[in-house]
PDB file of N, CA and C in Angstrom:
ATOM      1  N   UNK A   1      95.546 123.095 110.667  1.00  0.00           N
ATOM      2  CA  UNK A   1      96.872 123.411 110.154  1.00  0.00           C
ATOM      3  C   UNK A   1      97.400 122.207 109.376  1.00  0.00           C
ATOM      4  N   UNK A   2      98.006 122.503 108.264  1.00  0.00           N
ATOM      5  CA  UNK A   2      98.678 121.478 107.472  1.00  0.00           C
ATOM      6  C   UNK A   2     100.174 121.741 107.566  1.00  0.00           C
ATOM      7  N   UNK A   3     100.923 120.719 107.950  1.00  0.00           N
ATOM      8  CA  UNK A   3     102.377 120.847 108.071  1.00  0.00           C
ATOM      9  C   UNK A   3     103.009 120.153 106.878  1.00  0.00           C
ATOM     10  N   UNK A   4     103.778 120.904 106.107  1.00  0.00           N
ATOM     11  CA  UNK A   4     104.385 120.381 104.898  1.00  0.00           C
ATOM     12  C   UNK A   4     105.829 119.975 105.144  1.00  0.00           C
ATOM     13  N   UNK A   5     106.392 119.238 104.202  1.00  0.00           N
ATOM     14  CA  UNK A   5     107.740 118.701 104.334  1.00  0.00           C
ATOM     15  C   UNK A   5     108.774 119.817 104.509  1.00  0.00           C
ATOM     16  N   UNK A   6     108.591 120.922 103.849  1.00  0.00           N
ATOM     17  CA  UNK A   6     109.575 122.009 103.915  1.00  0.00           C
ATOM     18  C   UNK A   6     109.328 122.949 105.103  1.00  0.00           C
ATOM     19  N   UNK A   7     108.639 122.431 106.121  1.00  0.00           N
ATOM     20  CA  UNK A   7     108.325 123.167 107.358  1.00  0.00           C
ATOM     21  C   UNK A   7     107.342 124.316 107.165  1.00  0.00           C
ATOM     22  N   UNK A   8     106.710 124.374 106.017  1.00  0.00           N
ATOM     23  CA  UNK A   8     105.654 125.360 105.815  1.00  0.00           C
ATOM     24  C   UNK A   8     104.408 124.898 106.545  1.00  0.00           C
ATOM     25  N   UNK A   9     103.608 125.859 106.987  1.00  0.00           N
ATOM     26  CA  UNK A   9     102.317 125.553 107.584  1.00  0.00           C
ATOM     27  C   UNK A   9     101.248 126.280 106.789  1.00  0.00           C
ATOM     28  N   UNK A  10     100.201 125.555 106.463  1.00  0.00           N
ATOM     29  CA  UNK A  10      99.073 126.123 105.748  1.00  0.00           C
ATOM     30  C   UNK A  10      97.839 126.004 106.624  1.00  0.00           C
ATOM     31  N   UNK A  11      97.007 127.003 106.559  1.00  0.00           N
ATOM     32  CA  UNK A  11      95.744 126.961 107.279  1.00  0.00           C
ATOM     33  C   UNK A  11      94.656 126.570 106.294  1.00  0.00           C
ATOM     34  N   UNK A  12      93.829 125.626 106.704  1.00  0.00           N
ATOM     35  CA  UNK A  12      92.746 125.163 105.846  1.00  0.00           C
ATOM     36  C   UNK A  12      91.434 125.254 106.604  1.00  0.00           C
ATOM     37  N   UNK A  13      90.408 125.627 105.887  1.00  0.00           N
ATOM     38  CA  UNK A  13      89.076 125.676 106.498  1.00  0.00           C
ATOM     39  C   UNK A  13      88.347 124.342 106.342  1.00  0.00           C
ATOM     40  N   UNK A  14      88.964 123.405 105.622  1.00  0.00           N
ATOM     41  CA  UNK A  14      88.340 122.094 105.416  1.00  0.00           C
ATOM     42  C   UNK A  14      88.495 121.232 106.657  1.00  0.00           C
ATOM     43  N   UNK A  15      87.528 120.367 106.878  1.00  0.00           N
ATOM     44  CA  UNK A  15      87.600 119.399 107.968  1.00  0.00           C
ATOM     45  C   UNK A  15      88.551 118.274 107.579  1.00  0.00           C
ATOM     46  N   UNK A  16      89.150 117.630 108.578  1.00  0.00           N
ATOM     47  CA  UNK A  16      90.028 116.495 108.291  1.00  0.00           C
ATOM     48  C   UNK A  16      89.275 115.397 107.554  1.00  0.00           C
ATOM     49  N   UNK A  17      88.022 115.229 107.867  1.00  0.00           N
ATOM     50  CA  UNK A  17      87.206 114.220 107.186  1.00  0.00           C
ATOM     51  C   UNK A  17      87.161 114.507 105.683  1.00  0.00           C
ATOM     52  N   UNK A  18      87.014 115.777 105.329  1.00  0.00           N
ATOM     53  CA  UNK A  18      86.983 116.153 103.911  1.00  0.00           C
ATOM     54  C   UNK A  18      88.337 115.899 103.252  1.00  0.00           C
ATOM     55  N   UNK A  19      89.408 116.254 103.950  1.00  0.00           N
ATOM     56  CA  UNK A  19      90.747 116.035 103.405  1.00  0.00           C
ATOM     57  C   UNK A  19      91.033 114.545 103.243  1.00  0.00           C
ATOM     58  N   UNK A  20      90.677 113.755 104.240  1.00  0.00           N
ATOM     59  CA  UNK A  20      90.972 112.321 104.168  1.00  0.00           C
ATOM     60  C   UNK A  20      90.197 111.627 103.052  1.00  0.00           C
ATOM     61  N   UNK A  21      89.060 112.187 102.683  1.00  0.00           N
ATOM     62  CA  UNK A  21      88.266 111.566 101.613  1.00  0.00           C
ATOM     63  C   UNK A  21      88.870 111.790 100.230  1.00  0.00           C
ATOM     64  N   UNK A  22      89.717 112.799 100.069  1.00  0.00           N
ATOM     65  CA  UNK A  22      90.328 113.062  98.762  1.00  0.00           C
ATOM     66  C   UNK A  22      91.784 112.606  98.687  1.00  0.00           C
ATOM     67  N   UNK A  23      92.364 112.236  99.815  1.00  0.00           N
ATOM     68  CA  UNK A  23      93.752 111.779  99.837  1.00  0.00           C
ATOM     69  C   UNK A  23      93.804 110.249  99.774  1.00  0.00           C
ATOM     70  N   UNK A  24      94.883 109.737  99.245  1.00  0.00           N
ATOM     71  CA  UNK A  24      95.044 108.292  99.077  1.00  0.00           C
ATOM     72  C   UNK A  24      95.101 107.580 100.428  1.00  0.00           C
ATOM     73  N   UNK A  25      94.222 106.587 100.661  1.00  0.00           N
ATOM     74  CA  UNK A  25      94.244 105.844 101.932  1.00  0.00           C
ATOM     75  C   UNK A  25      95.482 104.965 102.092  1.00  0.00           C
ATOM     76  N   UNK A  26      96.214 104.712 101.001  1.00  0.00           N
ATOM     77  CA  UNK A  26      97.455 103.945 101.093  1.00  0.00           C
ATOM     78  C   UNK A  26      98.596 104.804 101.640  1.00  0.00           C
ATOM     79  N   UNK A  27      98.432 106.127 101.580  1.00  0.00           N
ATOM     80  CA  UNK A  27      99.493 107.039 101.990  1.00  0.00           C
ATOM     81  C   UNK A  27      99.124 107.807 103.254  1.00  0.00           C
ATOM     82  N   UNK A  28      97.853 108.155 103.406  1.00  0.00           N
ATOM     83  CA  UNK A  28      97.410 108.975 104.532  1.00  0.00           C
ATOM     84  C   UNK A  28      96.487 108.179 105.455  1.00  0.00           C
ATOM     85  N   UNK A  29      96.700 108.342 106.757  1.00  0.00           N
ATOM     86  CA  UNK A  29      95.890 107.633 107.739  1.00  0.00           C
ATOM     87  C   UNK A  29      95.560 108.575 108.881  1.00  0.00           C
ATOM     88  N   UNK A  30      94.324 108.531 109.302  1.00  0.00           N
ATOM     89  CA  UNK A  30      93.878 109.365 110.418  1.00  0.00           C
ATOM     90  C   UNK A  30      94.089 108.599 111.719  1.00  0.00           C
ATOM     91  N   UNK A  31      95.083 109.019 112.486  1.00  0.00           N
ATOM     92  CA  UNK A  31      95.442 108.321 113.717  1.00  0.00           C
ATOM     93  C   UNK A  31      94.713 108.847 114.937  1.00  0.00           C
ATOM     94  N   UNK A  32      94.068 109.984 114.775  1.00  0.00           N
ATOM     95  CA  UNK A  32      93.428 110.649 115.910  1.00  0.00           C
ATOM     96  C   UNK A  32      92.400 111.615 115.347  1.00  0.00           C
ATOM     97  N   UNK A  33      91.494 112.049 116.182  1.00  0.00           N
ATOM     98  CA  UNK A  33      90.484 113.030 115.763  1.00  0.00           C
ATOM     99  C   UNK A  33      91.135 114.269 115.149  1.00  0.00           C
ATOM    100  N   UNK A  34      92.313 114.616 115.634  1.00  0.00           N
ATOM    101  CA  UNK A  34      92.957 115.845 115.177  1.00  0.00           C
ATOM    102  C   UNK A  34      94.238 115.625 114.371  1.00  0.00           C
ATOM    103  N   UNK A  35      94.532 114.360 113.963  1.00  0.00           N
ATOM    104  CA  UNK A  35      95.768 114.097 113.235  1.00  0.00           C
ATOM    105  C   UNK A  35      95.536 113.161 112.054  1.00  0.00           C
ATOM    106  N   UNK A  36      95.937 113.633 110.893  1.00  0.00           N
ATOM    107  CA  UNK A  36      95.946 112.844 109.666  1.00  0.00           C
ATOM    108  C   UNK A  36      97.400 112.847 109.200  1.00  0.00           C
ATOM    109  N   UNK A  37      98.021 111.678 109.115  1.00  0.00           N
ATOM    110  CA  UNK A  37      99.458 111.646 108.823  1.00  0.00           C
ATOM    111  C   UNK A  37      99.751 111.026 107.460  1.00  0.00           C
ATOM    112  N   UNK A  38     100.895 111.432 106.899  1.00  0.00           N
ATOM    113  CA  UNK A  38     101.433 110.828 105.696  1.00  0.00           C
ATOM    114  C   UNK A  38     102.315 109.669 106.160  1.00  0.00           C
ATOM    115  N   UNK A  39     101.954 108.463 105.802  1.00  0.00           N
ATOM    116  CA  UNK A  39     102.673 107.277 106.261  1.00  0.00           C
ATOM    117  C   UNK A  39     104.098 107.212 105.743  1.00  0.00           C
ATOM    118  N   UNK A  40     104.398 107.923 104.659  1.00  0.00           N
ATOM    119  CA  UNK A  40     105.758 107.955 104.131  1.00  0.00           C
ATOM    120  C   UNK A  40     106.695 108.761 105.031  1.00  0.00           C
ATOM    121  N   UNK A  41     106.127 109.535 105.953  1.00  0.00           N
ATOM    122  CA  UNK A  41     106.935 110.357 106.855  1.00  0.00           C
ATOM    123  C   UNK A  41     106.903 109.827 108.284  1.00  0.00           C
ATOM    124  N   UNK A  42     106.404 108.634 108.442  1.00  0.00           N
ATOM    125  CA  UNK A  42     106.349 107.972 109.746  1.00  0.00           C
ATOM    126  C   UNK A  42     107.694 107.295 110.007  1.00  0.00           C
ATOM    127  N   UNK A  43     108.287 107.590 111.158  1.00  0.00           N
ATOM    128  CA  UNK A  43     109.577 107.002 111.506  1.00  0.00           C
ATOM    129  C   UNK A  43     109.389 105.780 112.396  1.00  0.00           C
ATOM    130  N   UNK A  44     108.567 105.918 113.447  1.00  0.00           N
ATOM    131  CA  UNK A  44     108.344 104.780 114.334  1.00  0.00           C
ATOM    132  C   UNK A  44     107.045 104.930 115.115  1.00  0.00           C
ATOM    133  N   UNK A  45     106.633 103.807 115.660  1.00  0.00           N
ATOM    134  CA  UNK A  45     105.462 103.745 116.526  1.00  0.00           C
ATOM    135  C   UNK A  45     105.935 103.322 117.905  1.00  0.00           C
ATOM    136  N   UNK A  46     105.464 104.004 118.929  1.00  0.00           N
ATOM    137  CA  UNK A  46     105.829 103.669 120.315  1.00  0.00           C
ATOM    138  C   UNK A  46     104.553 103.369 121.090  1.00  0.00           C
ATOM    139  N   UNK A  47     104.613 102.326 121.903  1.00  0.00           N
ATOM    140  CA  UNK A  47     103.451 101.997 122.725  1.00  0.00           C
ATOM    141  C   UNK A  47     103.871 101.880 124.176  1.00  0.00           C
ATOM    142  N   UNK A  48     102.915 101.847 125.024  1.00  0.00           N
ATOM    143  CA  UNK A  48     103.143 101.788 126.463  1.00  0.00           C
ATOM    144  C   UNK A  48     101.982 102.479 127.144  1.00  0.00           C
ATOM    145  N   UNK A  49     102.273 103.323 128.088  1.00  0.00           N
ATOM    146  CA  UNK A  49     101.193 104.071 128.737  1.00  0.00           C
ATOM    147  C   UNK A  49     100.586 105.074 127.765  1.00  0.00           C
ATOM    148  N   UNK A  50     101.340 105.378 126.720  1.00  0.00           N
ATOM    149  CA  UNK A  50     100.883 106.307 125.685  1.00  0.00           C
ATOM    150  C   UNK A  50     101.241 105.700 124.336  1.00  0.00           C
ATOM    151  N   UNK A  51     100.273 105.644 123.436  1.00  0.00           N
ATOM    152  CA  UNK A  51     100.525 105.147 122.084  1.00  0.00           C
ATOM    153  C   UNK A  51     100.721 106.351 121.175  1.00  0.00           C
ATOM    154  N   UNK A  52     101.874 106.405 120.496  1.00  0.00           N
ATOM    155  CA  UNK A  52     102.126 107.549 119.633  1.00  0.00           C
ATOM    156  C   UNK A  52     103.075 107.186 118.500  1.00  0.00           C
ATOM    157  N   UNK A  53     103.104 108.037 117.495  1.00  0.00           N
ATOM    158  CA  UNK A  53     104.016 107.880 116.376  1.00  0.00           C
ATOM    159  C   UNK A  53     105.024 109.011 116.413  1.00  0.00           C
ATOM    160  N   UNK A  54     106.186 108.740 115.837  1.00  0.00           N
ATOM    161  CA  UNK A  54     107.213 109.765 115.679  1.00  0.00           C
ATOM    162  C   UNK A  54     107.349 110.001 114.180  1.00  0.00           C
ATOM    163  N   UNK A  55     107.268 111.268 113.791  1.00  0.00           N
ATOM    164  CA  UNK A  55     107.355 111.633 112.390  1.00  0.00           C
ATOM    165  C   UNK A  55     108.793 112.047 112.052  1.00  0.00           C
ATOM    166  N   UNK A  56     109.116 112.161 110.755  1.00  0.00           N
ATOM    167  CA  UNK A  56     110.462 112.519 110.314  1.00  0.00           C
ATOM    168  C   UNK A  56     110.942 113.841 110.905  1.00  0.00           C
ATOM    169  N   UNK A  57     110.028 114.762 111.147  1.00  0.00           N
ATOM    170  CA  UNK A  57     110.432 116.062 111.688  1.00  0.00           C
ATOM    171  C   UNK A  57     110.579 116.034 113.214  1.00  0.00           C
ATOM    172  N   UNK A  58     110.399 114.846 113.816  1.00  0.00           N
ATOM    173  CA  UNK A  58     110.554 114.695 115.254  1.00  0.00           C
ATOM    174  C   UNK A  58     109.287 114.877 116.059  1.00  0.00           C
ATOM    175  N   UNK A  59     108.208 115.276 115.416  1.00  0.00           N
ATOM    176  CA  UNK A  59     106.946 115.462 116.131  1.00  0.00           C
ATOM    177  C   UNK A  59     106.421 114.116 116.625  1.00  0.00           C
ATOM    178  N   UNK A  60     105.880 114.132 117.841  1.00  0.00           N
ATOM    179  CA  UNK A  60     105.242 112.959 118.412  1.00  0.00           C
ATOM    180  C   UNK A  60     103.746 113.202 118.427  1.00  0.00           C
ATOM    181  N   UNK A  61     102.991 112.306 117.799  1.00  0.00           N
ATOM    182  CA  UNK A  61     101.541 112.455 117.675  1.00  0.00           C
ATOM    183  C   UNK A  61     100.849 111.234 118.276  1.00  0.00           C
ATOM    184  N   UNK A  62      99.868 111.485 119.116  1.00  0.00           N
ATOM    185  CA  UNK A  62      99.134 110.397 119.764  1.00  0.00           C
ATOM    186  C   UNK A  62      98.265 109.637 118.770  1.00  0.00           C
ATOM    187  N   UNK A  63      98.184 108.330 118.993  1.00  0.00           N
ATOM    188  CA  UNK A  63      97.269 107.467 118.242  1.00  0.00           C
ATOM    189  C   UNK A  63      96.101 107.189 119.183  1.00  0.00           C
ATOM    190  N   UNK A  64      94.888 107.490 118.742  1.00  0.00           N
ATOM    191  CA  UNK A  64      93.729 107.298 119.601  1.00  0.00           C
ATOM    192  C   UNK A  64      93.454 105.815 119.828  1.00  0.00           C
ATOM    193  N   UNK A  65      92.814 105.512 120.937  1.00  0.00           N
ATOM    194  CA  UNK A  65      92.470 104.117 121.247  1.00  0.00           C
ATOM    195  C   UNK A  65      91.546 103.540 120.199  1.00  0.00           C
ATOM    196  N   UNK A  66      90.626 104.368 119.682  1.00  0.00           N
ATOM    197  CA  UNK A  66      89.680 103.878 118.665  1.00  0.00           C
ATOM    198  C   UNK A  66      90.370 103.556 117.344  1.00  0.00           C
ATOM    199  N   UNK A  67      91.431 104.264 117.012  1.00  0.00           N
ATOM    200  CA  UNK A  67      92.126 104.061 115.736  1.00  0.00           C
ATOM    201  C   UNK A  67      93.286 103.080 115.843  1.00  0.00           C
ATOM    202  N   UNK A  68      93.642 102.690 117.062  1.00  0.00           N
ATOM    203  CA  UNK A  68      94.843 101.897 117.294  1.00  0.00           C
ATOM    204  C   UNK A  68      94.838 100.565 116.554  1.00  0.00           C
ATOM    205  N   UNK A  69      93.759  99.817 116.622  1.00  0.00           N
ATOM    206  CA  UNK A  69      93.696  98.506 115.978  1.00  0.00           C
ATOM    207  C   UNK A  69      93.902  98.618 114.467  1.00  0.00           C
ATOM    208  N   UNK A  70      93.198  99.539 113.830  1.00  0.00           N
ATOM    209  CA  UNK A  70      93.343  99.733 112.381  1.00  0.00           C
ATOM    210  C   UNK A  70      94.745 100.225 112.033  1.00  0.00           C
ATOM    211  N   UNK A  71      95.269 101.104 112.863  1.00  0.00           N
ATOM    212  CA  UNK A  71      96.621 101.614 112.615  1.00  0.00           C
ATOM    213  C   UNK A  71      97.648 100.484 112.714  1.00  0.00           C
ATOM    214  N   UNK A  72      97.541  99.630 113.715  1.00  0.00           N
ATOM    215  CA  UNK A  72      98.515  98.555 113.884  1.00  0.00           C
ATOM    216  C   UNK A  72      98.478  97.570 112.718  1.00  0.00           C
ATOM    217  N   UNK A  73      97.299  97.284 112.198  1.00  0.00           N
ATOM    218  CA  UNK A  73      97.184  96.417 111.018  1.00  0.00           C
ATOM    219  C   UNK A  73      97.927  97.030 109.838  1.00  0.00           C
ATOM    220  N   UNK A  74      97.728  98.323 109.649  1.00  0.00           N
ATOM    221  CA  UNK A  74      98.389  99.026 108.564  1.00  0.00           C
ATOM    222  C   UNK A  74      99.882  99.141 108.815  1.00  0.00           C
ATOM    223  N   UNK A  75     100.267  99.422 110.030  1.00  0.00           N
ATOM    224  CA  UNK A  75     101.687  99.593 110.379  1.00  0.00           C
ATOM    225  C   UNK A  75     102.477  98.310 110.140  1.00  0.00           C
ATOM    226  N   UNK A  76     101.884  97.157 110.392  1.00  0.00           N
ATOM    227  CA  UNK A  76     102.573  95.880 110.171  1.00  0.00           C
ATOM    228  C   UNK A  76     102.859  95.642 108.689  1.00  0.00           C
ATOM    229  N   UNK A  77     102.045  96.247 107.818  1.00  0.00           N
ATOM    230  CA  UNK A  77     102.229  96.087 106.390  1.00  0.00           C
ATOM    231  C   UNK A  77     103.328  96.996 105.835  1.00  0.00           C
ATOM    232  N   UNK A  78     103.705  98.014 106.593  1.00  0.00           N
ATOM    233  CA  UNK A  78     104.708  98.977 106.115  1.00  0.00           C
ATOM    234  C   UNK A  78     106.103  98.395 106.119  1.00  0.00           C
TER     235      UNK A  78
END
């Protein structure tokens, strides 16, 4: 599922890997096996017993342990 800014949802048969290869790495980051986010819509990062991001629409998405280090490097640059 692709969630758009205007709350539309699109269904895609493409894998996230395929989508991430055509999208700008400066704007989109894969934080989890099942989540590819637009960094322009990232509101905050929360850590603790659970590492997750909060998006502009209020959704909370987990950041995987494997992606955490790369995400934090990128997040510090934002």
